[in-house]
Amino acid sequence: MEQLYTKTSPQCKLVTASEETVRFLLDYSKSLSIVEADGMTIENNLN
C-alpha cells in the first residue's frame, strides 16, 4: 500500500494556501455547530 502513494505524478501540482485562508477555515470550523434533533440536522454558524 505504501508503494502506491510514494511516487509523485508529473500531472500533480503542489498547492499552497495562504496564512489568511488557513486562519479563516480554522475560525469557521470552530464556529460551526451541527445539531441533530427529531431526524433533522441543523447547522449553526455561531458569530
PDB file of N, CA and C in Angstrom:
ATOM      1  N   MET A   1       0.823  -1.192   0.000  1.00  0.00           N
ATOM      2  CA  MET A   1       0.000   0.000   0.000  1.00  0.00           C
ATOM      3  C   MET A   1       0.868   1.257   0.000  1.00  0.00           C
ATOM      4  N   GLU A   2       1.920   1.251   0.786  1.00  0.00           N
ATOM      5  CA  GLU A   2       2.793   2.409   0.878  1.00  0.00           C
ATOM      6  C   GLU A   2       3.405   2.754  -0.473  1.00  0.00           C
ATOM      7  N   GLN A   3       3.709   1.749  -1.252  1.00  0.00           N
ATOM      8  CA  GLN A   3       4.350   1.967  -2.543  1.00  0.00           C
ATOM      9  C   GLN A   3       3.435   2.685  -3.526  1.00  0.00           C
ATOM     10  N   LEU A   4       2.143   2.590  -3.345  1.00  0.00           N
ATOM     11  CA  LEU A   4       1.208   3.255  -4.247  1.00  0.00           C
ATOM     12  C   LEU A   4       1.253   4.771  -4.103  1.00  0.00           C
ATOM     13  N   TYR A   5       1.540   5.270  -2.917  1.00  0.00           N
ATOM     14  CA  TYR A   5       1.443   6.699  -2.647  1.00  0.00           C
ATOM     15  C   TYR A   5       2.789   7.409  -2.568  1.00  0.00           C
ATOM     16  N   THR A   6       3.885   6.707  -2.734  1.00  0.00           N
ATOM     17  CA  THR A   6       5.180   7.350  -2.600  1.00  0.00           C
ATOM     18  C   THR A   6       5.638   8.012  -3.892  1.00  0.00           C
ATOM     19  N   LYS A   7       5.142   7.584  -5.032  1.00  0.00           N
ATOM     20  CA  LYS A   7       5.538   8.180  -6.299  1.00  0.00           C
ATOM     21  C   LYS A   7       4.666   9.393  -6.596  1.00  0.00           C
ATOM     22  N   THR A   8       5.311  10.466  -7.046  1.00  0.00           N
ATOM     23  CA  THR A   8       4.540  11.647  -7.426  1.00  0.00           C
ATOM     24  C   THR A   8       4.332  11.634  -8.930  1.00  0.00           C
ATOM     25  N   SER A   9       3.171  12.019  -9.327  1.00  0.00           N
ATOM     26  CA  SER A   9       2.821  12.054 -10.736  1.00  0.00           C
ATOM     27  C   SER A   9       3.248  13.391 -11.331  1.00  0.00           C
ATOM     28  N   PRO A  10       3.726  13.401 -12.560  1.00  0.00           N
ATOM     29  CA  PRO A  10       4.112  14.675 -13.182  1.00  0.00           C
ATOM     30  C   PRO A  10       2.903  15.588 -13.399  1.00  0.00           C
ATOM     31  N   GLN A  11       1.699  15.031 -13.356  1.00  0.00           N
ATOM     32  CA  GLN A  11       0.486  15.827 -13.545  1.00  0.00           C
ATOM     33  C   GLN A  11       0.074  16.534 -12.260  1.00  0.00           C
ATOM     34  N   CYS A  12       0.591  16.106 -11.119  1.00  0.00           N
ATOM     35  CA  CYS A  12       0.224  16.707  -9.835  1.00  0.00           C
ATOM     36  C   CYS A  12       1.011  17.985  -9.612  1.00  0.00           C
ATOM     37  N   LYS A  13       0.329  18.987  -9.084  1.00  0.00           N
ATOM     38  CA  LYS A  13       0.973  20.254  -8.784  1.00  0.00           C
ATOM     39  C   LYS A  13       0.721  20.566  -7.312  1.00  0.00           C
ATOM     40  N   LEU A  14       1.758  20.889  -6.587  1.00  0.00           N
ATOM     41  CA  LEU A  14       1.637  21.200  -5.172  1.00  0.00           C
ATOM     42  C   LEU A  14       0.947  22.548  -5.003  1.00  0.00           C
ATOM     43  N   VAL A  15      -0.093  22.563  -4.204  1.00  0.00           N
ATOM     44  CA  VAL A  15      -0.854  23.778  -3.969  1.00  0.00           C
ATOM     45  C   VAL A  15      -0.620  24.222  -2.536  1.00  0.00           C
ATOM     46  N   THR A  16      -0.344  25.486  -2.361  1.00  0.00           N
ATOM     47  CA  THR A  16      -0.152  26.012  -1.012  1.00  0.00           C
ATOM     48  C   THR A  16      -1.246  27.028  -0.716  1.00  0.00           C
ATOM     49  N   ALA A  17      -1.638  27.082   0.526  1.00  0.00           N
ATOM     50  CA  ALA A  17      -2.670  28.028   0.964  1.00  0.00           C
ATOM     51  C   ALA A  17      -2.007  29.151   1.751  1.00  0.00           C
ATOM     52  N   SER A  18      -2.574  30.327   1.632  1.00  0.00           N
ATOM     53  CA  SER A  18      -2.023  31.460   2.375  1.00  0.00           C
ATOM     54  C   SER A  18      -2.387  31.320   3.854  1.00  0.00           C
ATOM     55  N   GLU A  19      -1.690  32.042   4.672  1.00  0.00           N
ATOM     56  CA  GLU A  19      -1.944  32.004   6.117  1.00  0.00           C
ATOM     57  C   GLU A  19      -3.351  32.516   6.424  1.00  0.00           C
ATOM     58  N   GLU A  20      -3.817  33.509   5.642  1.00  0.00           N
ATOM     59  CA  GLU A  20      -5.169  34.049   5.812  1.00  0.00           C
ATOM     60  C   GLU A  20      -6.229  32.983   5.568  1.00  0.00           C
ATOM     61  N   THR A  21      -6.046  32.204   4.520  1.00  0.00           N
ATOM     62  CA  THR A  21      -7.009  31.161   4.166  1.00  0.00           C
ATOM     63  C   THR A  21      -7.084  30.098   5.244  1.00  0.00           C
ATOM     64  N   VAL A  22      -5.949  29.688   5.745  1.00  0.00           N
ATOM     65  CA  VAL A  22      -5.913  28.672   6.800  1.00  0.00           C
ATOM     66  C   VAL A  22      -6.584  29.198   8.059  1.00  0.00           C
ATOM     67  N   ARG A  23      -6.302  30.438   8.423  1.00  0.00           N
ATOM     68  CA  ARG A  23      -6.908  31.042   9.615  1.00  0.00           C
ATOM     69  C   ARG A  23      -8.431  31.130   9.450  1.00  0.00           C
ATOM     70  N   PHE A  24      -8.902  31.528   8.260  1.00  0.00           N
ATOM     71  CA  PHE A  24     -10.343  31.630   8.005  1.00  0.00           C
ATOM     72  C   PHE A  24     -11.013  30.273   8.169  1.00  0.00           C
ATOM     73  N   LEU A  25     -10.428  29.235   7.587  1.00  0.00           N
ATOM     74  CA  LEU A  25     -11.016  27.898   7.673  1.00  0.00           C
ATOM     75  C   LEU A  25     -11.025  27.373   9.104  1.00  0.00           C
ATOM     76  N   LEU A  26      -9.975  27.619   9.848  1.00  0.00           N
ATOM     77  CA  LEU A  26      -9.936  27.189  11.247  1.00  0.00           C
ATOM     78  C   LEU A  26     -10.979  27.923  12.082  1.00  0.00           C
ATOM     79  N   ASP A  27     -11.092  29.236  11.886  1.00  0.00           N
ATOM     80  CA  ASP A  27     -12.087  30.005  12.629  1.00  0.00           C
ATOM     81  C   ASP A  27     -13.503  29.575  12.276  1.00  0.00           C
ATOM     82  N   TYR A  28     -13.741  29.310  10.990  1.00  0.00           N
ATOM     83  CA  TYR A  28     -15.075  28.881  10.565  1.00  0.00           C
ATOM     84  C   TYR A  28     -15.421  27.528  11.177  1.00  0.00           C
ATOM     85  N   SER A  29     -14.468  26.603  11.166  1.00  0.00           N
ATOM     86  CA  SER A  29     -14.759  25.274  11.708  1.00  0.00           C
ATOM     87  C   SER A  29     -14.997  25.326  13.217  1.00  0.00           C
ATOM     88  N   LYS A  30     -14.359  26.276  13.902  1.00  0.00           N
ATOM     89  CA  LYS A  30     -14.591  26.421  15.340  1.00  0.00           C
ATOM     90  C   LYS A  30     -15.969  26.998  15.623  1.00  0.00           C
ATOM     91  N   SER A  31     -16.474  27.846  14.710  1.00  0.00           N
ATOM     92  CA  SER A  31     -17.759  28.495  14.959  1.00  0.00           C
ATOM     93  C   SER A  31     -18.942  27.670  14.454  1.00  0.00           C
ATOM     94  N   LEU A  32     -18.696  26.622  13.698  1.00  0.00           N
ATOM     95  CA  LEU A  32     -19.782  25.810  13.147  1.00  0.00           C
ATOM     96  C   LEU A  32     -20.272  24.805  14.182  1.00  0.00           C
ATOM     97  N   SER A  33     -21.577  24.782  14.365  1.00  0.00           N
ATOM     98  CA  SER A  33     -22.194  23.857  15.310  1.00  0.00           C
ATOM     99  C   SER A  33     -23.292  23.096  14.576  1.00  0.00           C
ATOM    100  N   ILE A  34     -23.263  21.780  14.634  1.00  0.00           N
ATOM    101  CA  ILE A  34     -24.270  20.955  13.976  1.00  0.00           C
ATOM    102  C   ILE A  34     -25.075  20.239  15.045  1.00  0.00           C
ATOM    103  N   VAL A  35     -26.393  20.427  14.995  1.00  0.00           N
ATOM    104  CA  VAL A  35     -27.298  19.859  15.985  1.00  0.00           C
ATOM    105  C   VAL A  35     -28.276  18.937  15.273  1.00  0.00           C
ATOM    106  N   GLU A  36     -28.452  17.732  15.796  1.00  0.00           N
ATOM    107  CA  GLU A  36     -29.430  16.806  15.247  1.00  0.00           C
ATOM    108  C   GLU A  36     -30.558  16.627  16.257  1.00  0.00           C
ATOM    109  N   ALA A  37     -31.797  16.853  15.785  1.00  0.00           N
ATOM    110  CA  ALA A  37     -32.952  16.714  16.657  1.00  0.00           C
ATOM    111  C   ALA A  37     -34.157  16.275  15.844  1.00  0.00           C
ATOM    112  N   ASP A  38     -34.843  15.279  16.314  1.00  0.00           N
ATOM    113  CA  ASP A  38     -36.059  14.775  15.671  1.00  0.00           C
ATOM    114  C   ASP A  38     -35.846  14.445  14.197  1.00  0.00           C
ATOM    115  N   GLY A  39     -34.722  13.859  13.858  1.00  0.00           N
ATOM    116  CA  GLY A  39     -34.453  13.458  12.482  1.00  0.00           C
ATOM    117  C   GLY A  39     -34.015  14.593  11.574  1.00  0.00           C
ATOM    118  N   MET A  40     -33.838  15.789  12.110  1.00  0.00           N
ATOM    119  CA  MET A  40     -33.382  16.935  11.317  1.00  0.00           C
ATOM    120  C   MET A  40     -31.963  17.300  11.732  1.00  0.00           C
ATOM    121  N   THR A  41     -31.207  17.816  10.780  1.00  0.00           N
ATOM    122  CA  THR A  41     -29.868  18.305  11.059  1.00  0.00           C
ATOM    123  C   THR A  41     -29.863  19.811  10.865  1.00  0.00           C
ATOM    124  N   ILE A  42     -29.451  20.533  11.890  1.00  0.00           N
ATOM    125  CA  ILE A  42     -29.415  21.999  11.839  1.00  0.00           C
ATOM    126  C   ILE A  42     -27.973  22.439  11.989  1.00  0.00           C
ATOM    127  N   GLU A  43     -27.538  23.284  11.038  1.00  0.00           N
ATOM    128  CA  GLU A  43     -26.182  23.812  11.073  1.00  0.00           C
ATOM    129  C   GLU A  43     -26.245  25.262  11.532  1.00  0.00           C
ATOM    130  N   ASN A  44     -25.513  25.585  12.586  1.00  0.00           N
ATOM    131  CA  ASN A  44     -25.462  26.948  13.118  1.00  0.00           C
ATOM    132  C   ASN A  44     -24.050  27.488  12.973  1.00  0.00           C
ATOM    133  N   ASN A  45     -23.949  28.718  12.499  1.00  0.00           N
ATOM    134  CA  ASN A  45     -22.656  29.400  12.475  1.00  0.00           C
ATOM    135  C   ASN A  45     -22.683  30.412  13.611  1.00  0.00           C
ATOM    136  N   LEU A  46     -21.972  30.109  14.680  1.00  0.00           N
ATOM    137  CA  LEU A  46     -22.000  30.954  15.870  1.00  0.00           C
ATOM    138  C   LEU A  46     -21.037  32.120  15.698  1.00  0.00           C
ATOM    139  N   ASN A  47     -21.577  33.300  15.516  1.00  0.00           N
ATOM    140  CA  ASN A  47     -20.731  34.503  15.335  1.00  0.00           C
ATOM    141  C   ASN A  47     -20.425  35.120  16.663  1.00  0.00           C
TER     142      ASN A  47
END
